[in-house]
Amino acid sequence: MASQKILIYGGKGALGSFLVNFFKAKNWWVASVDLAPNEEAHANIAIKNTTSWTEQEKEIVTAVEETLNGEKLDAILCVAGGWAGGNAASKDLVKNCDLMWKQSVWSSVLAAEIASKHLKDGGFLQLTGAQPALQGTAGMLGYGMAKAAVHQFVKGLGAENSGLPANSTALAILPVTLDTPNNRKFMANADFTSWTTLEHVAELLLQWSLGQNRPASGSLVQLVTKDSKTEQIVC
């Protein structure tokens, strides 16, 4: 019987799918929230409403409550997101900004709301920012804007009176580039030794989910990889 419970927001994406399988193999009970179900998860919550944030909130919060049926979560990992480029002159500027906001900010806020209701005292909430969004991102304005908003949100969650359960920790990981099949497909000539492996991210999140070596709540943890070795830089 799985003793620990985790919810993975974005559990059908590349990193999310990896995490579902990884935690399941460690004998955790795993729930996935995504647009499509992950057949490997013990429970699935499907996102149906993609046009109204408040309606999506009602849908997801109700479904999580029904799924957990009074049980508490040890950890919530929000790895939902995506990427879109474009500067201020892009014909798709508003469209891409809207998409980035929905994928990164909507999901992060809802993950935090779920944490406020269903995370154990001393539990762990992880959101996903981006290392490039610590600076200007002229060629990907919508992406940088949304990820910077996640960074600010995490800092707030780490402050006093954030609404999270007692002694819980909220952190954001800030990768540069993750080593996923899609990234390899679309950036085939890149230096893969500077990409962070999904295995490294999973091991790190497992450690933090178990309460080991967590940085202070509200921290932004850059994942900087060089020569296939990843360093965590806390800011």
Protein backbone atom coordinates (compact mmCIF):
# COMPACT_ATOMS: atom_id res chain seq x y z
CA MET A 1 0.00 0.00 0.00
CA ALA A 2 1.39 3.39 -0.98
CA SER A 3 1.96 5.46 2.13
CA GLN A 4 2.77 8.81 0.52
CA LYS A 5 0.52 10.78 -1.79
CA ILE A 6 1.50 13.25 -4.48
CA LEU A 7 -0.41 15.31 -7.05
CA ILE A 8 1.37 16.19 -10.27
CA TYR A 9 -0.14 19.17 -12.09
CA GLY A 10 0.77 18.73 -15.74
CA GLY A 11 1.16 14.98 -15.35
CA LYS A 12 0.85 14.19 -19.07
CA GLY A 13 3.67 16.44 -20.31
CA ALA A 14 7.26 15.29 -20.79
CA LEU A 15 8.46 16.08 -17.27
CA GLY A 16 5.08 15.34 -15.72
CA SER A 17 4.88 11.86 -17.29
CA PHE A 18 8.41 11.12 -16.14
CA LEU A 19 7.51 12.19 -12.59
CA VAL A 20 4.33 10.10 -12.54
CA ASN A 21 6.31 6.98 -13.41
CA PHE A 22 9.21 7.91 -11.11
CA PHE A 23 7.11 8.46 -7.99
CA LYS A 24 4.88 5.47 -8.75
CA ALA A 25 8.01 3.29 -8.92
CA LYS A 26 8.94 4.62 -5.45
CA ASN A 27 5.55 3.34 -4.19
CA TRP A 28 3.85 6.75 -3.95
CA TRP A 29 0.16 7.15 -4.75
CA VAL A 30 0.10 9.53 -7.71
CA ALA A 31 -2.68 11.76 -9.06
CA SER A 32 -2.32 13.62 -12.35
CA VAL A 33 -4.03 16.86 -13.42
CA ASP A 34 -3.85 17.63 -17.13
CA LEU A 35 -5.83 18.12 -20.31
CA ALA A 36 -5.44 14.41 -21.07
CA PRO A 37 -5.29 11.48 -18.63
CA ASN A 38 -2.03 9.74 -17.77
CA GLU A 39 -2.85 6.03 -17.74
CA GLU A 40 0.05 5.33 -15.36
CA ALA A 41 -1.35 7.54 -12.58
CA HIS A 42 -3.56 6.12 -9.83
CA ALA A 43 -6.07 8.94 -10.36
CA ASN A 44 -6.69 11.49 -13.10
CA ILE A 45 -8.31 14.91 -13.02
CA ALA A 46 -9.08 16.18 -16.51
CA ILE A 47 -8.98 19.91 -17.29
CA LYS A 48 -11.99 20.63 -19.48
CA ASN A 49 -12.52 24.39 -19.22
CA THR A 50 -9.67 26.32 -20.86
CA THR A 51 -11.43 29.65 -21.42
CA SER A 52 -12.44 30.81 -17.93
CA TRP A 53 -9.99 30.73 -15.03
CA THR A 54 -12.75 30.89 -12.40
CA GLU A 55 -14.71 28.09 -14.06
CA GLN A 56 -11.56 26.01 -14.36
CA GLU A 57 -10.95 26.61 -10.66
CA LYS A 58 -14.40 25.27 -9.72
CA GLU A 59 -13.93 22.24 -11.93
CA ILE A 60 -10.44 21.33 -10.69
CA VAL A 61 -10.92 22.10 -6.99
CA THR A 62 -14.14 20.05 -6.87
CA ALA A 63 -12.55 17.12 -8.71
CA VAL A 64 -9.48 17.10 -6.43
CA GLU A 65 -11.69 17.16 -3.34
CA GLU A 66 -13.72 14.22 -4.61
CA THR A 67 -10.59 12.30 -5.61
CA LEU A 68 -8.80 12.75 -2.28
CA ASN A 69 -11.94 12.14 -0.19
CA GLY A 70 -10.44 13.68 2.94
CA GLU A 71 -6.90 12.34 2.48
CA LYS A 72 -3.98 14.77 2.58
CA LEU A 73 -1.11 15.13 0.11
CA ASP A 74 2.56 14.97 1.01
CA ALA A 75 3.53 16.97 -2.06
CA ILE A 76 2.16 18.87 -5.05
CA LEU A 77 4.41 19.31 -8.07
CA CYS A 78 3.27 21.79 -10.71
CA VAL A 79 5.19 21.14 -13.92
CA ALA A 80 2.51 22.35 -16.33
CA GLY A 81 3.66 24.85 -18.91
CA GLY A 82 4.87 25.36 -22.43
CA TRP A 83 6.91 27.69 -24.58
CA ALA A 84 6.14 30.33 -27.20
CA GLY A 85 8.44 32.91 -28.75
CA GLY A 86 7.85 36.37 -30.13
CA ASN A 87 8.80 39.99 -29.46
CA ALA A 88 6.55 43.05 -29.31
CA ALA A 89 6.27 43.15 -33.12
CA SER A 90 5.07 39.57 -33.36
CA LYS A 91 1.65 39.14 -34.96
CA ASP A 92 0.92 36.52 -32.28
CA LEU A 93 2.06 38.63 -29.31
CA VAL A 94 -1.27 38.69 -27.45
CA LYS A 95 -2.18 35.14 -28.45
CA ASN A 96 1.14 33.80 -27.16
CA CYS A 97 1.04 35.88 -23.97
CA ASP A 98 -2.47 34.58 -23.29
CA LEU A 99 -1.35 30.98 -23.84
CA MET A 100 1.74 31.36 -21.64
CA TRP A 101 -0.31 32.94 -18.87
CA LYS A 102 -2.84 30.12 -18.96
CA GLN A 103 -0.24 27.37 -19.02
CA SER A 104 2.11 28.69 -16.33
CA VAL A 105 0.17 31.11 -14.13
CA TRP A 106 -3.30 29.54 -14.06
CA SER A 107 -1.81 26.16 -13.19
CA SER A 108 0.52 27.58 -10.50
CA VAL A 109 -2.25 29.49 -8.76
CA LEU A 110 -4.60 26.50 -8.78
CA ALA A 111 -1.82 24.24 -7.48
CA ALA A 112 -1.34 26.67 -4.58
CA GLU A 113 -5.08 26.73 -3.87
CA ILE A 114 -5.11 22.93 -3.80
CA ALA A 115 -2.11 23.04 -1.44
CA SER A 116 -3.93 25.39 0.93
CA LYS A 117 -6.76 22.87 1.22
CA HIS A 118 -5.16 19.45 0.85
CA LEU A 119 -1.43 19.60 1.62
CA LYS A 120 -0.26 18.10 4.90
CA ASP A 121 1.37 20.31 7.52
CA GLY A 122 5.04 20.31 6.60
CA GLY A 123 4.18 19.37 3.01
CA PHE A 124 5.88 20.46 -0.19
CA LEU A 125 4.64 22.59 -3.09
CA GLN A 126 6.81 23.01 -6.18
CA LEU A 127 6.09 25.40 -9.04
CA THR A 128 8.03 25.86 -12.26
CA GLY A 129 9.71 29.10 -13.26
CA ALA A 130 12.52 29.61 -15.75
CA GLN A 131 16.11 30.75 -15.31
CA PRO A 132 16.06 33.02 -18.41
CA ALA A 133 13.10 34.95 -16.91
CA LEU A 134 15.41 36.34 -14.22
CA GLN A 135 16.52 38.70 -17.00
CA GLY A 136 14.77 40.28 -19.98
CA THR A 137 13.42 37.87 -22.59
CA ALA A 138 12.98 40.03 -25.69
CA GLY A 139 12.52 37.09 -28.06
CA MET A 140 9.92 35.35 -25.89
CA LEU A 141 8.02 38.11 -24.12
CA GLY A 142 4.95 36.10 -23.14
CA TYR A 143 7.01 33.22 -21.77
CA GLY A 144 9.26 35.53 -19.74
CA MET A 145 6.31 37.49 -18.38
CA ALA A 146 4.44 34.39 -17.22
CA LYS A 147 7.48 32.76 -15.65
CA ALA A 148 8.45 36.00 -13.85
CA ALA A 149 4.91 36.07 -12.44
CA VAL A 150 5.43 32.54 -11.11
CA HIS A 151 8.68 33.67 -9.46
CA GLN A 152 6.87 36.51 -7.68
CA PHE A 153 4.03 34.20 -6.70
CA VAL A 154 6.43 31.72 -5.08
CA LYS A 155 8.11 34.47 -3.09
CA GLY A 156 4.67 35.43 -1.75
CA LEU A 157 3.86 31.82 -0.88
CA GLY A 158 7.07 31.65 1.12
CA ALA A 159 6.21 34.74 3.17
CA GLU A 160 4.31 34.84 6.46
CA ASN A 161 0.53 34.46 6.28
CA SER A 162 0.62 32.99 2.76
CA GLY A 163 -2.28 30.65 3.50
CA LEU A 164 -0.28 27.45 3.05
CA PRO A 165 -0.36 24.75 5.78
CA ALA A 166 1.95 25.12 8.78
CA ASN A 167 5.63 24.36 8.17
CA SER A 168 5.07 23.66 4.48
CA THR A 169 7.59 24.69 1.84
CA ALA A 170 6.89 26.35 -1.51
CA LEU A 171 9.73 26.45 -4.04
CA ALA A 172 10.17 27.07 -7.73
CA ILE A 173 12.64 25.27 -9.93
CA LEU A 174 14.15 27.49 -12.64
CA PRO A 175 15.58 25.29 -15.39
CA VAL A 176 17.32 26.67 -18.46
CA THR A 177 16.56 23.80 -20.87
CA LEU A 178 15.22 20.38 -19.95
CA ASP A 179 16.41 17.32 -21.87
CA THR A 180 13.09 16.20 -23.35
CA PRO A 181 12.35 14.38 -26.62
CA ASN A 182 10.64 17.45 -28.07
CA ASN A 183 13.54 19.75 -27.21
CA ARG A 184 15.95 17.31 -28.86
CA LYS A 185 13.69 17.17 -31.92
CA PHE A 186 13.43 20.94 -32.35
CA MET A 187 16.96 21.84 -31.20
CA ALA A 188 18.87 18.93 -32.68
CA ASN A 189 22.13 20.87 -32.98
CA ALA A 190 22.18 22.20 -29.42
CA ASP A 191 24.74 21.36 -26.75
CA PHE A 192 22.92 18.63 -24.83
CA THR A 193 25.56 18.69 -22.08
CA SER A 194 24.07 22.03 -20.97
CA TRP A 195 20.57 20.56 -20.65
CA THR A 196 19.15 19.32 -17.34
CA THR A 197 18.03 15.69 -17.34
CA LEU A 198 14.56 14.70 -16.19
CA GLU A 199 16.21 12.15 -13.88
CA HIS A 200 18.06 14.92 -12.04
CA VAL A 201 14.87 16.95 -11.59
CA ALA A 202 12.96 13.89 -10.37
CA GLU A 203 15.62 12.93 -7.81
CA LEU A 204 15.72 16.50 -6.52
CA LEU A 205 11.93 16.74 -6.21
CA LEU A 206 11.78 13.37 -4.44
CA GLN A 207 14.35 14.57 -1.91
CA TRP A 208 12.41 17.76 -1.24
CA SER A 209 9.08 15.91 -1.13
CA LEU A 210 10.56 13.75 1.63
CA GLY A 211 11.56 16.89 3.54
CA GLN A 212 15.28 16.50 2.90
CA ASN A 213 17.63 19.41 2.12
CA ARG A 214 14.83 21.80 1.18
CA PRO A 215 15.86 25.42 0.63
CA ALA A 216 13.85 28.02 2.53
CA SER A 217 10.22 28.42 1.51
CA GLY A 218 9.86 31.06 -1.20
CA SER A 219 13.21 30.20 -2.79
CA LEU A 220 13.84 30.19 -6.52
CA VAL A 221 16.21 27.35 -7.37
CA GLN A 222 18.08 27.74 -10.64
CA LEU A 223 19.06 24.47 -12.33
CA VAL A 224 22.24 25.28 -14.22
CA THR A 225 23.84 22.43 -16.17
CA LYS A 226 27.35 22.44 -17.60
CA ASP A 227 29.24 19.43 -18.95
CA SER A 228 26.26 17.24 -17.96
CA LYS A 229 26.57 18.27 -14.29
CA THR A 230 23.74 20.27 -12.71
CA GLU A 231 24.19 22.82 -9.96
CA GLN A 232 21.38 24.24 -7.84
CA ILE A 233 21.70 27.99 -7.32
CA VAL A 234 19.22 29.34 -4.77
CA CYS A 235 18.03 32.92 -5.13
